[in-house]
N, C-alpha and C. Protein backbone atom coordinates (compact mmCIF):
# COMPACT_ATOMS: atom_id res chain seq x y z
N MET A 1 0.82 -1.00 -0.12
CA MET A 1 -0.03 -0.06 -0.12
C MET A 1 0.80 1.19 0.22
N ALA A 2 1.99 1.16 0.39
CA ALA A 2 3.05 2.38 0.63
C ALA A 2 3.36 2.92 -0.76
N GLU A 3 3.27 2.30 -1.99
CA GLU A 3 3.47 2.66 -2.71
C GLU A 3 2.35 3.37 -3.81
N TYR A 4 1.20 3.30 -3.24
CA TYR A 4 0.19 4.21 -3.69
C TYR A 4 0.01 5.65 -2.77
N SER A 5 0.43 5.50 -1.54
CA SER A 5 0.08 6.43 -0.59
C SER A 5 0.49 7.82 -1.14
N GLY A 6 1.53 8.36 -1.87
CA GLY A 6 1.60 9.55 -2.34
C GLY A 6 0.47 9.93 -3.31
N ALA A 7 0.34 9.09 -4.47
CA ALA A 7 -0.72 9.30 -5.55
C ALA A 7 -2.12 9.51 -4.82
N ILE A 8 -2.35 8.26 -3.71
CA ILE A 8 -3.59 8.59 -3.53
C ILE A 8 -3.58 9.94 -2.43
N ALA A 9 -2.80 10.28 -1.56
CA ALA A 9 -2.75 11.36 -0.99
C ALA A 9 -3.07 12.64 -1.87
N GLY A 10 -2.27 12.91 -2.98
CA GLY A 10 -2.42 13.91 -4.18
C GLY A 10 -4.01 13.68 -4.64
N LEU A 11 -4.46 12.36 -4.88
CA LEU A 11 -5.63 12.43 -5.45
C LEU A 11 -6.83 12.92 -4.55
N LYS A 12 -6.59 12.88 -3.18
CA LYS A 12 -7.52 13.21 -2.30
C LYS A 12 -7.48 14.81 -2.45
N LYS A 13 -6.23 15.40 -2.33
CA LYS A 13 -5.98 16.65 -2.18
C LYS A 13 -6.98 17.49 -3.61
N ALA A 14 -6.71 16.85 -4.71
CA ALA A 14 -7.07 17.28 -5.79
C ALA A 14 -8.62 17.15 -5.86
N VAL A 15 -9.11 16.40 -5.30
CA VAL A 15 -10.90 16.13 -5.16
C VAL A 15 -11.17 17.11 -4.32
N GLU A 16 -10.44 17.49 -3.24
CA GLU A 16 -10.72 18.58 -1.96
C GLU A 16 -10.92 20.00 -3.02
N LEU A 17 -10.09 20.21 -3.99
CA LEU A 17 -9.72 21.01 -4.77
C LEU A 17 -10.94 21.13 -6.09
N GLY A 18 -11.46 19.94 -6.30
CA GLY A 18 -12.73 20.12 -7.45
C GLY A 18 -11.93 19.24 -8.61
N CYS A 19 -11.57 18.34 -8.33
CA CYS A 19 -10.65 17.48 -9.31
C CYS A 19 -11.77 17.33 -10.60
N LYS A 20 -10.52 16.93 -11.56
CA LYS A 20 -11.50 16.59 -13.02
C LYS A 20 -11.31 14.82 -13.10
N HIS A 21 -12.18 14.53 -13.83
CA HIS A 21 -12.04 13.07 -14.17
C HIS A 21 -10.87 12.66 -14.44
N ILE A 22 -9.88 13.25 -15.05
CA ILE A 22 -8.43 12.83 -15.65
C ILE A 22 -7.62 12.23 -14.73
N LEU A 23 -7.70 12.99 -13.44
CA LEU A 23 -6.82 12.62 -12.23
C LEU A 23 -7.54 11.30 -11.97
N LEU A 24 -8.63 10.69 -11.72
CA LEU A 24 -9.19 9.80 -11.11
C LEU A 24 -8.61 8.63 -12.10
N PHE A 25 -8.67 9.02 -13.63
CA PHE A 25 -8.62 7.96 -14.52
C PHE A 25 -7.09 7.66 -14.44
N SER A 26 -6.09 8.76 -14.22
CA SER A 26 -4.54 8.49 -14.39
C SER A 26 -4.01 7.63 -13.43
N LEU A 27 -4.96 7.43 -11.90
CA LEU A 27 -4.36 6.57 -11.18
C LEU A 27 -4.51 5.00 -11.51
N LYS A 28 -3.20 4.69 -11.56
CA LYS A 28 -3.29 3.06 -11.93
C LYS A 28 -2.72 1.94 -10.70
N THR A 29 -3.16 0.77 -11.05
CA THR A 29 -2.70 0.18 -9.70
C THR A 29 -1.36 -0.62 -10.37
N GLY A 30 -1.72 -1.66 -11.01
CA GLY A 30 -0.75 -2.65 -11.72
C GLY A 30 -0.85 -4.14 -10.66
N ARG A 31 0.26 -4.59 -10.37
CA ARG A 31 -0.06 -5.79 -9.74
C ARG A 31 0.60 -5.14 -7.97
N ASP A 32 -0.31 -5.61 -6.96
CA ASP A 32 -0.19 -5.34 -5.83
C ASP A 32 -0.47 -6.43 -4.99
N GLU A 33 -0.72 -6.10 -3.81
CA GLU A 33 -1.29 -7.48 -2.85
C GLU A 33 -2.73 -7.49 -2.91
N PHE A 34 -3.49 -6.64 -3.64
CA PHE A 34 -4.96 -6.92 -3.77
C PHE A 34 -5.28 -7.36 -5.13
N SER A 35 -4.75 -7.03 -5.81
CA SER A 35 -5.10 -7.24 -7.31
C SER A 35 -5.18 -9.13 -7.93
N GLN A 36 -4.65 -9.78 -6.80
CA GLN A 36 -5.04 -11.23 -7.21
C GLN A 36 -6.23 -11.84 -6.24
N ILE A 37 -6.61 -10.76 -5.02
CA ILE A 37 -7.50 -11.58 -4.52
C ILE A 37 -8.68 -11.33 -5.07
N ARG A 38 -9.90 -12.39 -4.97
CA ARG A 38 -10.96 -12.66 -5.73
C ARG A 38 -12.10 -12.80 -4.32
N GLY A 39 -13.56 -12.71 -4.68
CA GLY A 39 -14.67 -13.24 -4.10
C GLY A 39 -14.66 -13.05 -2.70
N GLU A 40 -15.03 -14.00 -2.15
CA GLU A 40 -15.39 -14.09 -0.58
C GLU A 40 -14.03 -13.50 0.30
N THR A 41 -12.85 -14.00 -0.40
CA THR A 41 -11.31 -13.52 0.35
C THR A 41 -11.47 -11.93 0.44
N LEU A 42 -11.72 -11.44 -0.89
CA LEU A 42 -11.70 -10.17 -1.11
C LEU A 42 -12.94 -9.31 -0.27
N ALA A 43 -14.13 -9.75 -0.22
CA ALA A 43 -15.03 -9.26 0.98
C ALA A 43 -14.43 -9.39 2.03
N GLN A 44 -14.20 -10.45 2.52
CA GLN A 44 -13.66 -10.50 4.18
C GLN A 44 -12.92 -9.28 4.59
N ARG A 45 -12.08 -8.85 3.70
CA ARG A 45 -11.07 -7.51 3.90
C ARG A 45 -11.85 -6.27 3.90
N ILE A 46 -13.19 -6.28 3.62
CA ILE A 46 -13.49 -4.94 3.67
C ILE A 46 -14.66 -4.95 4.91
N PRO A 47 -14.72 -3.67 5.67
CA PRO A 47 -15.42 -3.68 6.81
C PRO A 47 -16.68 -3.71 6.45
N HIS A 48 -17.86 -4.32 7.25
CA HIS A 48 -19.36 -4.46 7.16
C HIS A 48 -19.96 -3.09 6.83
N ASP A 49 -19.49 -2.20 7.36
CA ASP A 49 -19.98 -0.62 7.12
C ASP A 49 -19.71 -0.10 5.74
N ILE A 50 -18.51 -0.46 5.57
CA ILE A 50 -17.96 0.26 4.30
C ILE A 50 -18.43 -0.63 2.78
N LYS A 51 -18.95 -1.99 3.11
CA LYS A 51 -19.68 -2.78 2.34
C LYS A 51 -21.04 -2.28 2.00
N GLY A 52 -21.86 -1.78 3.14
CA GLY A 52 -23.09 -1.44 2.92
C GLY A 52 -22.68 0.09 2.26
N THR A 53 -21.81 1.00 2.75
CA THR A 53 -21.94 2.25 2.32
C THR A 53 -21.69 2.07 0.63
N ILE A 54 -20.78 1.12 0.01
CA ILE A 54 -20.43 0.94 -1.46
C ILE A 54 -21.93 0.24 -1.86
N ALA A 55 -22.48 -0.60 -1.34
CA ALA A 55 -23.67 -1.35 -1.75
C ALA A 55 -24.70 -0.48 -1.84
N ASP A 56 -24.98 0.60 -0.93
CA ASP A 56 -26.17 1.72 -1.15
C ASP A 56 -25.91 2.60 -2.14
N SER A 57 -24.59 2.51 -2.53
CA SER A 57 -24.33 3.65 -3.73
C SER A 57 -24.51 2.94 -5.35
N LEU A 58 -24.65 1.92 -5.20
CA LEU A 58 -24.77 0.90 -6.65
C LEU A 58 -26.03 0.43 -6.97
N ARG A 59 -26.46 0.35 -8.30
CA ARG A 59 -27.61 -0.28 -8.36
C ARG A 59 -27.46 -1.58 -8.36
N PRO A 60 -28.68 -2.24 -7.87
CA PRO A 60 -28.72 -3.54 -7.36
C PRO A 60 -28.08 -4.47 -8.83
N ASP A 61 -28.10 -4.23 -9.81
CA ASP A 61 -27.61 -4.79 -10.99
C ASP A 61 -26.17 -4.64 -11.30
N LYS A 62 -25.38 -3.81 -10.77
CA LYS A 62 -24.16 -4.14 -10.76
C LYS A 62 -23.26 -5.23 -10.48
N ASP A 63 -22.47 -5.52 -11.54
CA ASP A 63 -21.68 -6.68 -11.53
C ASP A 63 -20.83 -7.06 -10.51
N GLN A 64 -20.66 -8.05 -10.37
CA GLN A 64 -19.43 -8.35 -9.12
C GLN A 64 -18.21 -7.90 -9.35
N LYS A 65 -17.84 -8.00 -10.52
CA LYS A 65 -16.78 -7.43 -11.06
C LYS A 65 -16.22 -5.96 -10.54
N PHE A 66 -17.32 -5.43 -11.06
CA PHE A 66 -17.15 -3.80 -10.85
C PHE A 66 -16.91 -3.76 -9.35
N VAL A 67 -17.86 -4.40 -8.21
CA VAL A 67 -17.74 -4.27 -6.93
C VAL A 67 -16.43 -4.48 -6.13
N ALA A 68 -15.87 -5.62 -6.79
CA ALA A 68 -14.66 -6.02 -6.51
C ALA A 68 -13.42 -5.24 -6.89
N THR A 69 -13.67 -4.31 -8.01
CA THR A 69 -12.74 -3.11 -8.20
C THR A 69 -12.67 -2.10 -7.52
N VAL A 70 -14.14 -1.80 -7.07
CA VAL A 70 -14.22 -0.73 -5.75
C VAL A 70 -13.86 -1.04 -4.70
N TYR A 71 -13.70 -2.34 -4.33
CA TYR A 71 -13.05 -2.77 -2.96
C TYR A 71 -11.54 -2.91 -3.34
N ARG A 72 -11.03 -3.20 -4.30
CA ARG A 72 -9.72 -3.11 -4.35
C ARG A 72 -9.43 -1.56 -4.23
N TRP A 73 -9.81 -0.68 -4.76
CA TRP A 73 -9.40 0.63 -4.50
C TRP A 73 -9.52 1.37 -3.01
N TYR A 74 -10.45 0.77 -2.14
CA TYR A 74 -10.76 0.93 -0.99
C TYR A 74 -9.56 0.38 -0.16
N LEU A 75 -9.04 -0.80 -0.49
CA LEU A 75 -8.19 -1.34 0.18
C LEU A 75 -6.71 -0.68 -0.35
N CYS A 76 -6.63 -0.29 -1.53
CA CYS A 76 -5.23 0.97 -1.71
C CYS A 76 -5.55 2.18 -0.97
N GLY A 77 -6.29 2.56 -0.43
CA GLY A 77 -6.44 3.62 0.22
C GLY A 77 -7.44 4.73 0.17
N LEU A 78 -8.08 4.41 -0.90
CA LEU A 78 -9.12 5.76 -1.00
C LEU A 78 -10.30 5.46 -0.27
N ALA A 79 -10.98 6.51 -0.01
CA ALA A 79 -12.21 6.20 0.59
C ALA A 79 -13.42 5.69 -0.21
N PRO A 80 -14.44 5.26 0.80
CA PRO A 80 -15.54 4.72 -0.44
C PRO A 80 -16.12 5.40 -1.58
N ALA A 81 -16.24 6.55 -1.12
CA ALA A 81 -16.66 7.25 -2.29
C ALA A 81 -15.82 7.50 -3.41
N LEU A 82 -14.68 8.02 -3.10
CA LEU A 82 -13.73 7.72 -4.31
C LEU A 82 -13.24 6.80 -4.82
N SER A 83 -13.34 5.57 -4.35
CA SER A 83 -12.88 4.18 -4.89
C SER A 83 -14.46 4.17 -5.88
N LEU A 84 -15.77 4.41 -5.60
CA LEU A 84 -16.69 4.58 -6.33
C LEU A 84 -16.39 5.57 -7.43
N ARG A 85 -16.19 6.40 -7.27
CA ARG A 85 -15.89 7.72 -8.32
C ARG A 85 -14.85 6.94 -9.37
N LYS A 86 -13.96 6.56 -8.68
CA LYS A 86 -12.75 6.24 -9.46
C LYS A 86 -13.36 5.36 -10.55
N CYS A 87 -13.68 4.20 -10.11
CA CYS A 87 -14.38 2.86 -11.14
C CYS A 87 -15.39 3.77 -12.17
N LYS A 88 -16.05 4.40 -11.49
CA LYS A 88 -17.22 4.77 -12.51
C LYS A 88 -16.54 5.61 -13.68
N VAL A 89 -15.52 6.52 -13.39
CA VAL A 89 -14.91 7.25 -14.19
C VAL A 89 -14.12 6.18 -15.05
N ASP A 90 -13.39 4.92 -14.59
CA ASP A 90 -12.98 4.09 -15.70
C ASP A 90 -13.84 3.67 -16.58
N ALA A 91 -15.27 3.15 -15.87
CA ALA A 91 -16.31 2.40 -16.70
C ALA A 91 -16.63 3.24 -17.63
N GLU A 92 -17.02 4.62 -17.38
CA GLU A 92 -17.20 5.78 -18.54
C GLU A 92 -16.22 5.66 -19.79
N VAL A 93 -14.92 5.65 -18.96
CA VAL A 93 -14.15 6.11 -20.29
C VAL A 93 -13.72 4.74 -21.05
N ALA A 94 -13.96 3.71 -20.56
CA ALA A 94 -13.99 2.21 -21.24
C ALA A 94 -15.12 2.34 -22.14
N VAL A 95 -16.34 2.67 -22.25
CA VAL A 95 -17.26 2.67 -22.82
C VAL A 95 -16.79 3.57 -23.90
N ASN A 96 -16.43 4.96 -23.58
CA ASN A 96 -16.11 6.00 -24.74
C ASN A 96 -15.43 5.60 -25.53
N VAL A 97 -14.15 4.86 -25.47
CA VAL A 97 -13.22 4.04 -25.98
C VAL A 97 -13.79 3.01 -26.70
N SER A 98 -14.60 2.27 -26.41
CA SER A 98 -15.46 1.40 -27.38
C SER A 98 -16.35 2.08 -28.47
N ARG A 99 -16.64 3.01 -28.05
CA ARG A 99 -17.65 3.59 -29.07
C ARG A 99 -16.97 4.23 -29.93
N GLY A 100 -15.82 4.45 -29.43
CA GLY A 100 -14.68 5.05 -30.68
C GLY A 100 -14.62 6.47 -30.51
N ARG A 101 -14.92 7.33 -29.30
CA ARG A 101 -14.93 8.58 -29.09
C ARG A 101 -13.82 9.14 -28.78
């Protein structure tokens, strides 16, 4: 987690100042201690109240892969709201790229 602490601290400050989507999109992980954790093992690492906060912010039909990505960003040090925002920005960019925008 130390490898992300500087980037995440900068991101949190940028969000406080009204950050643009590009800052969220530019934050990347690569291989870390959380990237290989799957399913129930991943969910067990998330506090119950955080899982509830995340679940309350998602549509019921959101796929588990998306939820797992939100959990991983939380474990990397982003607050739940920032984790959700990061994943939503990434998903939006992916859709736009696939449409050729």
